[in-house]
Amino acid sequence: MQSKTMSRKPNYETLRQETGFRWFVGSTYLALLEITGIPIKEFNLHPKACIEAYRKGRPLIREL
């Protein structure tokens, strides 16, 4: 026996026209280490190195 309810599918053409263009890029702390040149051991053992990686690295990653 068939179900009397119909499943409705979204109209992707309409959705594509109404949705603006958006994008997102994520990064990890490893990218910060690479871009700042801070060794991972230094980052993990010294809080000041961790702070420096974020303070120097985040603006550099935003420029990418």
PDB file of N, CA and C in Angstrom:
ATOM      1  N   MET A   1       0.833  -1.179   0.000  1.00  0.00           N
ATOM      2  CA  MET A   1       0.000   0.000   0.000  1.00  0.00           C
ATOM      3  C   MET A   1       0.883   1.249   0.000  1.00  0.00           C
ATOM      4  N   GLN A   2       0.541   2.188  -0.810  1.00  0.00           N
ATOM      5  CA  GLN A   2       1.318   3.416  -0.923  1.00  0.00           C
ATOM      6  C   GLN A   2       0.928   4.412   0.154  1.00  0.00           C
ATOM      7  N   SER A   3       1.933   5.166   0.556  1.00  0.00           N
ATOM      8  CA  SER A   3       1.685   6.208   1.547  1.00  0.00           C
ATOM      9  C   SER A   3       0.974   7.377   0.879  1.00  0.00           C
ATOM     10  N   LYS A   4       0.057   7.996   1.613  1.00  0.00           N
ATOM     11  CA  LYS A   4      -0.690   9.119   1.053  1.00  0.00           C
ATOM     12  C   LYS A   4       0.062  10.441   1.175  1.00  0.00           C
ATOM     13  N   THR A   5       1.147  10.444   1.960  1.00  0.00           N
ATOM     14  CA  THR A   5       1.912  11.690   2.077  1.00  0.00           C
ATOM     15  C   THR A   5       2.973  11.731   0.993  1.00  0.00           C
ATOM     16  N   MET A   6       3.144  12.884   0.437  1.00  0.00           N
ATOM     17  CA  MET A   6       4.155  13.067  -0.600  1.00  0.00           C
ATOM     18  C   MET A   6       5.407  13.660   0.031  1.00  0.00           C
ATOM     19  N   SER A   7       6.534  13.182  -0.400  1.00  0.00           N
ATOM     20  CA  SER A   7       7.774  13.802   0.070  1.00  0.00           C
ATOM     21  C   SER A   7       8.085  14.973  -0.857  1.00  0.00           C
ATOM     22  N   ARG A   8       8.438  16.076  -0.253  1.00  0.00           N
ATOM     23  CA  ARG A   8       8.717  17.272  -1.038  1.00  0.00           C
ATOM     24  C   ARG A   8      10.216  17.461  -1.128  1.00  0.00           C
ATOM     25  N   LYS A   9      10.699  17.653  -2.327  1.00  0.00           N
ATOM     26  CA  LYS A   9      12.115  17.904  -2.549  1.00  0.00           C
ATOM     27  C   LYS A   9      12.325  19.405  -2.717  1.00  0.00           C
ATOM     28  N   PRO A  10      13.455  19.921  -2.245  1.00  0.00           N
ATOM     29  CA  PRO A  10      13.710  21.351  -2.417  1.00  0.00           C
ATOM     30  C   PRO A  10      13.938  21.698  -3.884  1.00  0.00           C
ATOM     31  N   ASN A  11      13.560  22.885  -4.250  1.00  0.00           N
ATOM     32  CA  ASN A  11      13.792  23.383  -5.602  1.00  0.00           C
ATOM     33  C   ASN A  11      15.190  24.008  -5.623  1.00  0.00           C
ATOM     34  N   TYR A  12      16.164  23.254  -6.090  1.00  0.00           N
ATOM     35  CA  TYR A  12      17.550  23.709  -6.038  1.00  0.00           C
ATOM     36  C   TYR A  12      17.819  24.903  -6.948  1.00  0.00           C
ATOM     37  N   GLU A  13      17.117  25.024  -8.042  1.00  0.00           N
ATOM     38  CA  GLU A  13      17.294  26.195  -8.919  1.00  0.00           C
ATOM     39  C   GLU A  13      16.951  27.474  -8.173  1.00  0.00           C
ATOM     40  N   THR A  14      15.838  27.473  -7.484  1.00  0.00           N
ATOM     41  CA  THR A  14      15.425  28.647  -6.714  1.00  0.00           C
ATOM     42  C   THR A  14      16.409  28.915  -5.583  1.00  0.00           C
ATOM     43  N   LEU A  15      16.825  27.873  -4.893  1.00  0.00           N
ATOM     44  CA  LEU A  15      17.769  28.040  -3.788  1.00  0.00           C
ATOM     45  C   LEU A  15      19.091  28.625  -4.265  1.00  0.00           C
ATOM     46  N   ARG A  16      19.580  28.182  -5.411  1.00  0.00           N
ATOM     47  CA  ARG A  16      20.843  28.711  -5.947  1.00  0.00           C
ATOM     48  C   ARG A  16      20.725  30.189  -6.291  1.00  0.00           C
ATOM     49  N   GLN A  17      19.595  30.588  -6.827  1.00  0.00           N
ATOM     50  CA  GLN A  17      19.403  31.990  -7.200  1.00  0.00           C
ATOM     51  C   GLN A  17      19.288  32.884  -5.970  1.00  0.00           C
ATOM     52  N   GLU A  18      18.669  32.394  -4.915  1.00  0.00           N
ATOM     53  CA  GLU A  18      18.427  33.207  -3.724  1.00  0.00           C
ATOM     54  C   GLU A  18      19.627  33.260  -2.780  1.00  0.00           C
ATOM     55  N   THR A  19      20.482  32.270  -2.847  1.00  0.00           N
ATOM     56  CA  THR A  19      21.617  32.208  -1.933  1.00  0.00           C
ATOM     57  C   THR A  19      22.781  33.003  -2.501  1.00  0.00           C
ATOM     58  N   GLY A  20      23.339  33.884  -1.676  1.00  0.00           N
ATOM     59  CA  GLY A  20      24.517  34.630  -2.085  1.00  0.00           C
ATOM     60  C   GLY A  20      25.761  33.762  -1.983  1.00  0.00           C
ATOM     61  N   PHE A  21      26.829  34.232  -2.554  1.00  0.00           N
ATOM     62  CA  PHE A  21      28.080  33.491  -2.524  1.00  0.00           C
ATOM     63  C   PHE A  21      28.753  33.668  -1.171  1.00  0.00           C
ATOM     64  N   ARG A  22      29.109  32.577  -0.528  1.00  0.00           N
ATOM     65  CA  ARG A  22      29.839  32.605   0.737  1.00  0.00           C
ATOM     66  C   ARG A  22      30.894  31.511   0.721  1.00  0.00           C
ATOM     67  N   TRP A  23      31.981  31.745   1.443  1.00  0.00           N
ATOM     68  CA  TRP A  23      32.987  30.712   1.582  1.00  0.00           C
ATOM     69  C   TRP A  23      33.689  30.856   2.920  1.00  0.00           C
ATOM     70  N   PHE A  24      34.369  29.800   3.335  1.00  0.00           N
ATOM     71  CA  PHE A  24      35.034  29.762   4.626  1.00  0.00           C
ATOM     72  C   PHE A  24      36.283  28.904   4.502  1.00  0.00           C
ATOM     73  N   VAL A  25      37.356  29.357   5.106  1.00  0.00           N
ATOM     74  CA  VAL A  25      38.587  28.578   5.146  1.00  0.00           C
ATOM     75  C   VAL A  25      39.001  28.439   6.602  1.00  0.00           C
ATOM     76  N   GLY A  26      39.209  27.242   7.035  1.00  0.00           N
ATOM     77  CA  GLY A  26      39.650  27.003   8.403  1.00  0.00           C
ATOM     78  C   GLY A  26      41.134  26.691   8.440  1.00  0.00           C
ATOM     79  N   SER A  27      41.731  26.898   9.579  1.00  0.00           N
ATOM     80  CA  SER A  27      43.138  26.543   9.747  1.00  0.00           C
ATOM     81  C   SER A  27      43.352  26.054  11.172  1.00  0.00           C
ATOM     82  N   THR A  28      44.423  25.337  11.379  1.00  0.00           N
ATOM     83  CA  THR A  28      44.741  24.810  12.697  1.00  0.00           C
ATOM     84  C   THR A  28      45.972  25.510  13.248  1.00  0.00           C
ATOM     85  N   TYR A  29      46.314  25.166  14.463  1.00  0.00           N
ATOM     86  CA  TYR A  29      47.507  25.757  15.072  1.00  0.00           C
ATOM     87  C   TYR A  29      48.765  25.373  14.297  1.00  0.00           C
ATOM     88  N   LEU A  30      48.732  24.256  13.587  1.00  0.00           N
ATOM     89  CA  LEU A  30      49.893  23.845  12.800  1.00  0.00           C
ATOM     90  C   LEU A  30      50.187  24.843  11.681  1.00  0.00           C
ATOM     91  N   ALA A  31      49.146  25.434  11.124  1.00  0.00           N
ATOM     92  CA  ALA A  31      49.351  26.480  10.116  1.00  0.00           C
ATOM     93  C   ALA A  31      50.019  27.694  10.747  1.00  0.00           C
ATOM     94  N   LEU A  32      49.629  28.020  11.978  1.00  0.00           N
ATOM     95  CA  LEU A  32      50.265  29.137  12.682  1.00  0.00           C
ATOM     96  C   LEU A  32      51.747  28.868  12.896  1.00  0.00           C
ATOM     97  N   LEU A  33      52.079  27.645  13.270  1.00  0.00           N
ATOM     98  CA  LEU A  33      53.483  27.297  13.486  1.00  0.00           C
ATOM     99  C   LEU A  33      54.279  27.409  12.195  1.00  0.00           C
ATOM    100  N   GLU A  34      53.700  26.959  11.118  1.00  0.00           N
ATOM    101  CA  GLU A  34      54.392  27.008   9.825  1.00  0.00           C
ATOM    102  C   GLU A  34      54.621  28.440   9.370  1.00  0.00           C
ATOM    103  N   ILE A  35      53.612  29.261   9.488  1.00  0.00           N
ATOM    104  CA  ILE A  35      53.707  30.628   8.976  1.00  0.00           C
ATOM    105  C   ILE A  35      54.594  31.519   9.854  1.00  0.00           C
ATOM    106  N   THR A  36      54.707  31.185  11.151  1.00  0.00           N
ATOM    107  CA  THR A  36      55.540  31.989  12.053  1.00  0.00           C
ATOM    108  C   THR A  36      56.928  31.400  12.256  1.00  0.00           C
ATOM    109  N   GLY A  37      57.109  30.131  11.905  1.00  0.00           N
ATOM    110  CA  GLY A  37      58.412  29.489  12.080  1.00  0.00           C
ATOM    111  C   GLY A  37      58.696  29.043  13.508  1.00  0.00           C
ATOM    112  N   ILE A  38      57.693  29.021  14.350  1.00  0.00           N
ATOM    113  CA  ILE A  38      57.868  28.592  15.740  1.00  0.00           C
ATOM    114  C   ILE A  38      57.857  27.060  15.783  1.00  0.00           C
ATOM    115  N   PRO A  39      58.893  26.451  16.382  1.00  0.00           N
ATOM    116  CA  PRO A  39      58.927  24.983  16.475  1.00  0.00           C
ATOM    117  C   PRO A  39      57.797  24.455  17.367  1.00  0.00           C
ATOM    118  N   ILE A  40      57.298  23.279  17.042  1.00  0.00           N
ATOM    119  CA  ILE A  40      56.175  22.707  17.785  1.00  0.00           C
ATOM    120  C   ILE A  40      56.540  22.460  19.251  1.00  0.00           C
ATOM    121  N   LYS A  41      57.786  22.058  19.500  1.00  0.00           N
ATOM    122  CA  LYS A  41      58.221  21.827  20.884  1.00  0.00           C
ATOM    123  C   LYS A  41      58.157  23.125  21.686  1.00  0.00           C
ATOM    124  N   GLU A  42      58.638  24.207  21.082  1.00  0.00           N
ATOM    125  CA  GLU A  42      58.605  25.524  21.730  1.00  0.00           C
ATOM    126  C   GLU A  42      57.153  25.935  22.010  1.00  0.00           C
ATOM    127  N   PHE A  43      56.305  25.724  21.029  1.00  0.00           N
ATOM    128  CA  PHE A  43      54.880  26.063  21.143  1.00  0.00           C
ATOM    129  C   PHE A  43      54.227  25.320  22.308  1.00  0.00           C
ATOM    130  N   ASN A  44      54.542  24.043  22.438  1.00  0.00           N
ATOM    131  CA  ASN A  44      53.912  23.215  23.467  1.00  0.00           C
ATOM    132  C   ASN A  44      54.491  23.412  24.862  1.00  0.00           C
ATOM    133  N   LEU A  45      55.747  23.802  24.951  1.00  0.00           N
ATOM    134  CA  LEU A  45      56.387  23.906  26.261  1.00  0.00           C
ATOM    135  C   LEU A  45      56.390  25.308  26.858  1.00  0.00           C
ATOM    136  N   HIS A  46      56.248  26.320  26.017  1.00  0.00           N
ATOM    137  CA  HIS A  46      56.368  27.691  26.502  1.00  0.00           C
ATOM    138  C   HIS A  46      55.126  28.502  26.129  1.00  0.00           C
ATOM    139  N   PRO A  47      54.331  28.894  27.112  1.00  0.00           N
ATOM    140  CA  PRO A  47      53.109  29.658  26.836  1.00  0.00           C
ATOM    141  C   PRO A  47      53.354  30.936  26.028  1.00  0.00           C
ATOM    142  N   LYS A  48      54.487  31.588  26.241  1.00  0.00           N
ATOM    143  CA  LYS A  48      54.775  32.813  25.485  1.00  0.00           C
ATOM    144  C   LYS A  48      54.926  32.525  23.992  1.00  0.00           C
ATOM    145  N   ALA A  49      55.474  31.367  23.656  1.00  0.00           N
ATOM    146  CA  ALA A  49      55.605  30.984  22.250  1.00  0.00           C
ATOM    147  C   ALA A  49      54.230  30.730  21.638  1.00  0.00           C
ATOM    148  N   CYS A  50      53.347  30.136  22.404  1.00  0.00           N
ATOM    149  CA  CYS A  50      51.977  29.889  21.946  1.00  0.00           C
ATOM    150  C   CYS A  50      51.269  31.214  21.675  1.00  0.00           C
ATOM    151  N   ILE A  51      51.395  32.132  22.607  1.00  0.00           N
ATOM    152  CA  ILE A  51      50.774  33.454  22.447  1.00  0.00           C
ATOM    153  C   ILE A  51      51.344  34.168  21.233  1.00  0.00           C
ATOM    154  N   GLU A  52      52.655  34.086  21.058  1.00  0.00           N
ATOM    155  CA  GLU A  52      53.305  34.733  19.915  1.00  0.00           C
ATOM    156  C   GLU A  52      52.814  34.140  18.594  1.00  0.00           C
ATOM    157  N   ALA A  53      52.651  32.827  18.558  1.00  0.00           N
ATOM    158  CA  ALA A  53      52.173  32.174  17.334  1.00  0.00           C
ATOM    159  C   ALA A  53      50.807  32.713  16.926  1.00  0.00           C
ATOM    160  N   TYR A  54      49.918  32.864  17.886  1.00  0.00           N
ATOM    161  CA  TYR A  54      48.581  33.372  17.572  1.00  0.00           C
ATOM    162  C   TYR A  54      48.604  34.857  17.235  1.00  0.00           C
ATOM    163  N   ARG A  55      49.357  35.632  17.980  1.00  0.00           N
ATOM    164  CA  ARG A  55      49.387  37.080  17.730  1.00  0.00           C
ATOM    165  C   ARG A  55      50.028  37.423  16.391  1.00  0.00           C
ATOM    166  N   LYS A  56      51.081  36.715  16.031  1.00  0.00           N
ATOM    167  CA  LYS A  56      51.752  36.989  14.753  1.00  0.00           C
ATOM    168  C   LYS A  56      51.104  36.234  13.594  1.00  0.00           C
ATOM    169  N   GLY A  57      50.670  35.012  13.865  1.00  0.00           N
ATOM    170  CA  GLY A  57      50.186  34.147  12.796  1.00  0.00           C
ATOM    171  C   GLY A  57      48.791  34.448  12.293  1.00  0.00           C
ATOM    172  N   ARG A  58      47.881  34.805  13.176  1.00  0.00           N
ATOM    173  CA  ARG A  58      46.496  35.048  12.741  1.00  0.00           C
ATOM    174  C   ARG A  58      46.392  36.153  11.697  1.00  0.00           C
ATOM    175  N   PRO A  59      47.053  37.304  11.888  1.00  0.00           N
ATOM    176  CA  PRO A  59      46.979  38.330  10.837  1.00  0.00           C
ATOM    177  C   PRO A  59      47.592  37.858   9.512  1.00  0.00           C
ATOM    178  N   LEU A  60      48.663  37.071   9.591  1.00  0.00           N
ATOM    179  CA  LEU A  60      49.296  36.566   8.368  1.00  0.00           C
ATOM    180  C   LEU A  60      48.381  35.597   7.631  1.00  0.00           C
ATOM    181  N   ILE A  61      47.686  34.755   8.375  1.00  0.00           N
ATOM    182  CA  ILE A  61      46.762  33.807   7.737  1.00  0.00           C
ATOM    183  C   ILE A  61      45.580  34.544   7.118  1.00  0.00           C
ATOM    184  N   ARG A  62      45.108  35.585   7.762  1.00  0.00           N
ATOM    185  CA  ARG A  62      43.996  36.371   7.193  1.00  0.00           C
ATOM    186  C   ARG A  62      44.380  36.980   5.849  1.00  0.00           C
ATOM    187  N   GLU A  63      45.659  37.346   5.693  1.00  0.00           N
ATOM    188  CA  GLU A  63      46.119  37.938   4.431  1.00  0.00           C
ATOM    189  C   GLU A  63      46.132  36.932   3.293  1.00  0.00           C
ATOM    190  N   LEU A  64      46.270  35.652   3.636  1.00  0.00           N
ATOM    191  CA  LEU A  64      46.288  34.630   2.587  1.00  0.00           C
ATOM    192  C   LEU A  64      44.958  34.609   1.915  1.00  0.00           C
TER     193      LEU A  64
END
